[in-house]
């Protein structure tokens, strides 16, 4: 869930941003979205490597987790260069304003039920 307004605010206050969700459990199967797959192929990396690099370029604290030694090595191998601006823009747009609206509505409902 990429929320540019909140991220901009936190970064303007020099607050580091980190979030955690296992990539393979993202819905709806984020790592299989055609934009992510196509861009990862352009850079000759896996979708996970692409998204880790995206997070680093956004200056997020990126935390990876896996029990596979192969994926550990893969997750560390993200120094393939900068993702180009037009590709960053596409990745930034994967979370839609409708996604954000639905998430914020769920958060409000959760707070109200507490």
C-alpha atoms as a PDB file:
ATOM      1  CA  UNK A   1       0.000   0.000   0.000  1.00  0.00           C
ATOM      2  CA  UNK A   2       1.877   3.000  -1.315  1.00  0.00           C
ATOM      3  CA  UNK A   3       0.453   6.227   0.156  1.00  0.00           C
ATOM      4  CA  UNK A   4       2.393   9.166  -1.314  1.00  0.00           C
ATOM      5  CA  UNK A   5       0.876  11.898   0.873  1.00  0.00           C
ATOM      6  CA  UNK A   6       1.706  10.134   4.136  1.00  0.00           C
ATOM      7  CA  UNK A   7       5.143   9.159   2.884  1.00  0.00           C
ATOM      8  CA  UNK A   8       5.901  12.733   1.842  1.00  0.00           C
ATOM      9  CA  UNK A   9       4.836  13.975   5.282  1.00  0.00           C
ATOM     10  CA  UNK A  10       6.970  11.460   7.176  1.00  0.00           C
ATOM     11  CA  UNK A  11      10.003  12.060   4.984  1.00  0.00           C
ATOM     12  CA  UNK A  12       9.621  15.838   5.365  1.00  0.00           C
ATOM     13  CA  UNK A  13       9.815  15.248   9.129  1.00  0.00           C
ATOM     14  CA  UNK A  14      12.921  13.028   8.713  1.00  0.00           C
ATOM     15  CA  UNK A  15      10.974   9.968   9.870  1.00  0.00           C
ATOM     16  CA  UNK A  16      12.157   6.678   8.369  1.00  0.00           C
ATOM     17  CA  UNK A  17       9.495   4.567   6.746  1.00  0.00           C
ATOM     18  CA  UNK A  18       9.262   0.817   6.980  1.00  0.00           C
ATOM     19  CA  UNK A  19       6.395  -1.592   6.574  1.00  0.00           C
ATOM     20  CA  UNK A  20       6.217  -5.343   6.508  1.00  0.00           C
ATOM     21  CA  UNK A  21       4.148  -7.771   4.533  1.00  0.00           C
ATOM     22  CA  UNK A  22       5.419 -10.924   2.960  1.00  0.00           C
ATOM     23  CA  UNK A  23       5.628 -10.264  -0.768  1.00  0.00           C
ATOM     24  CA  UNK A  24       4.180 -13.642  -1.649  1.00  0.00           C
ATOM     25  CA  UNK A  25       1.090 -12.868   0.436  1.00  0.00           C
ATOM     26  CA  UNK A  26       0.348  -9.541  -1.241  1.00  0.00           C
ATOM     27  CA  UNK A  27      -3.083  -9.301  -2.783  1.00  0.00           C
ATOM     28  CA  UNK A  28      -4.035  -9.480  -5.538  1.00  0.00           C
ATOM     29  CA  UNK A  29      -0.869 -11.423  -6.217  1.00  0.00           C
ATOM     30  CA  UNK A  30       1.162  -8.257  -6.637  1.00  0.00           C
ATOM     31  CA  UNK A  31       4.295  -9.990  -7.859  1.00  0.00           C
ATOM     32  CA  UNK A  32       2.378 -11.368 -10.843  1.00  0.00           C
ATOM     33  CA  UNK A  33       1.063  -7.995 -12.011  1.00  0.00           C
ATOM     34  CA  UNK A  34       2.112  -7.500 -15.596  1.00  0.00           C
ATOM     35  CA  UNK A  35       3.754  -4.115 -14.955  1.00  0.00           C
ATOM     36  CA  UNK A  36       6.007  -5.561 -12.261  1.00  0.00           C
ATOM     37  CA  UNK A  37       6.868  -8.600 -14.371  1.00  0.00           C
ATOM     38  CA  UNK A  38       7.587  -6.537 -17.495  1.00  0.00           C
ATOM     39  CA  UNK A  39       9.755  -4.018 -15.667  1.00  0.00           C
ATOM     40  CA  UNK A  40      11.656  -6.750 -13.822  1.00  0.00           C
ATOM     41  CA  UNK A  41      12.374  -8.438 -17.161  1.00  0.00           C
ATOM     42  CA  UNK A  42      13.672  -5.134 -18.552  1.00  0.00           C
ATOM     43  CA  UNK A  43      16.283  -5.012 -15.739  1.00  0.00           C
ATOM     44  CA  UNK A  44      16.872  -8.784 -15.856  1.00  0.00           C
ATOM     45  CA  UNK A  45      15.919  -9.247 -12.198  1.00  0.00           C
ATOM     46  CA  UNK A  46      13.124 -11.001 -10.323  1.00  0.00           C
ATOM     47  CA  UNK A  47       9.952  -9.120  -9.385  1.00  0.00           C
ATOM     48  CA  UNK A  48      11.040  -9.295  -5.733  1.00  0.00           C
ATOM     49  CA  UNK A  49      14.428  -7.752  -6.538  1.00  0.00           C
ATOM     50  CA  UNK A  50      12.707  -4.999  -8.490  1.00  0.00           C
ATOM     51  CA  UNK A  51      10.389  -4.135  -5.612  1.00  0.00           C
ATOM     52  CA  UNK A  52      13.219  -4.194  -3.069  1.00  0.00           C
ATOM     53  CA  UNK A  53      15.169  -1.795  -5.310  1.00  0.00           C
ATOM     54  CA  UNK A  54      12.041   0.375  -5.690  1.00  0.00           C
ATOM     55  CA  UNK A  55      11.762   0.620  -1.897  1.00  0.00           C
ATOM     56  CA  UNK A  56      15.418   1.537  -1.560  1.00  0.00           C
ATOM     57  CA  UNK A  57      15.089   4.235  -4.200  1.00  0.00           C
ATOM     58  CA  UNK A  58      12.080   5.603  -2.289  1.00  0.00           C
ATOM     59  CA  UNK A  59      14.432   5.758   0.751  1.00  0.00           C
ATOM     60  CA  UNK A  60      12.372   3.268   2.739  1.00  0.00           C
ATOM     61  CA  UNK A  61      13.824   0.935   5.320  1.00  0.00           C
ATOM     62  CA  UNK A  62      13.514  -2.356   3.442  1.00  0.00           C
ATOM     63  CA  UNK A  63      13.358  -5.525   5.515  1.00  0.00           C
ATOM     64  CA  UNK A  64      13.353  -8.865   3.751  1.00  0.00           C
ATOM     65  CA  UNK A  65      12.554 -12.255   5.206  1.00  0.00           C
ATOM     66  CA  UNK A  66      12.932 -15.724   3.803  1.00  0.00           C
ATOM     67  CA  UNK A  67      13.999 -19.159   4.940  1.00  0.00           C
ATOM     68  CA  UNK A  68      15.512 -19.929   1.536  1.00  0.00           C
ATOM     69  CA  UNK A  69      19.246 -19.304   1.220  1.00  0.00           C
ATOM     70  CA  UNK A  70      18.811 -18.772  -2.531  1.00  0.00           C
ATOM     71  CA  UNK A  71      16.227 -16.042  -1.937  1.00  0.00           C
ATOM     72  CA  UNK A  72      18.442 -14.491   0.764  1.00  0.00           C
ATOM     73  CA  UNK A  73      21.194 -14.114  -1.821  1.00  0.00           C
ATOM     74  CA  UNK A  74      18.696 -12.865  -4.401  1.00  0.00           C
ATOM     75  CA  UNK A  75      17.273 -10.290  -1.968  1.00  0.00           C
ATOM     76  CA  UNK A  76      20.755  -8.898  -1.349  1.00  0.00           C
ATOM     77  CA  UNK A  77      21.557  -8.656  -5.041  1.00  0.00           C
ATOM     78  CA  UNK A  78      19.651  -5.453  -5.845  1.00  0.00           C
ATOM     79  CA  UNK A  79      22.523  -3.225  -6.888  1.00  0.00           C
ATOM     80  CA  UNK A  80      21.639  -3.432 -10.578  1.00  0.00           C
ATOM     81  CA  UNK A  81      21.463   0.348 -10.972  1.00  0.00           C
ATOM     82  CA  UNK A  82      18.740   2.906 -10.652  1.00  0.00           C
ATOM     83  CA  UNK A  83      15.253   2.127 -11.845  1.00  0.00           C
ATOM     84  CA  UNK A  84      14.441   4.725 -14.495  1.00  0.00           C
ATOM     85  CA  UNK A  85      11.956   7.476 -13.639  1.00  0.00           C
ATOM     86  CA  UNK A  86       9.267   6.268 -16.050  1.00  0.00           C
ATOM     87  CA  UNK A  87       9.455   2.782 -14.523  1.00  0.00           C
ATOM     88  CA  UNK A  88       9.352   4.252 -10.992  1.00  0.00           C
ATOM     89  CA  UNK A  89       6.232   6.185 -12.003  1.00  0.00           C
ATOM     90  CA  UNK A  90       4.569   2.964 -13.164  1.00  0.00           C
ATOM     91  CA  UNK A  91       5.491   1.182  -9.921  1.00  0.00           C
ATOM     92  CA  UNK A  92       4.309   4.174  -7.882  1.00  0.00           C
ATOM     93  CA  UNK A  93       0.941   3.914  -9.643  1.00  0.00           C
ATOM     94  CA  UNK A  94       0.247   0.284  -8.816  1.00  0.00           C
ATOM     95  CA  UNK A  95      -1.609   1.341  -5.662  1.00  0.00           C
ATOM     96  CA  UNK A  96      -4.666   3.184  -6.959  1.00  0.00           C
ATOM     97  CA  UNK A  97      -6.601   5.951  -5.236  1.00  0.00           C
ATOM     98  CA  UNK A  98      -9.440   3.423  -4.902  1.00  0.00           C
ATOM     99  CA  UNK A  99      -7.079   1.014  -3.078  1.00  0.00           C
ATOM    100  CA  UNK A 100      -6.165   3.820  -0.668  1.00  0.00           C
ATOM    101  CA  UNK A 101      -9.815   4.791  -0.150  1.00  0.00           C
ATOM    102  CA  UNK A 102     -10.811   1.208   0.682  1.00  0.00           C
ATOM    103  CA  UNK A 103      -7.865   0.793   3.066  1.00  0.00           C
ATOM    104  CA  UNK A 104      -8.621   4.060   4.876  1.00  0.00           C
ATOM    105  CA  UNK A 105     -12.273   3.060   5.201  1.00  0.00           C
ATOM    106  CA  UNK A 106     -11.247  -0.277   6.760  1.00  0.00           C
ATOM    107  CA  UNK A 107      -8.910   1.550   9.155  1.00  0.00           C
ATOM    108  CA  UNK A 108     -11.712   3.936  10.229  1.00  0.00           C
ATOM    109  CA  UNK A 109     -14.088   1.011  10.775  1.00  0.00           C
ATOM    110  CA  UNK A 110     -11.465  -0.830  12.820  1.00  0.00           C
ATOM    111  CA  UNK A 111     -10.890   2.220  15.032  1.00  0.00           C
ATOM    112  CA  UNK A 112     -14.629   2.650  15.534  1.00  0.00           C
ATOM    113  CA  UNK A 113     -15.025  -0.961  16.662  1.00  0.00           C
ATOM    114  CA  UNK A 114     -12.283  -0.631  19.256  1.00  0.00           C
END
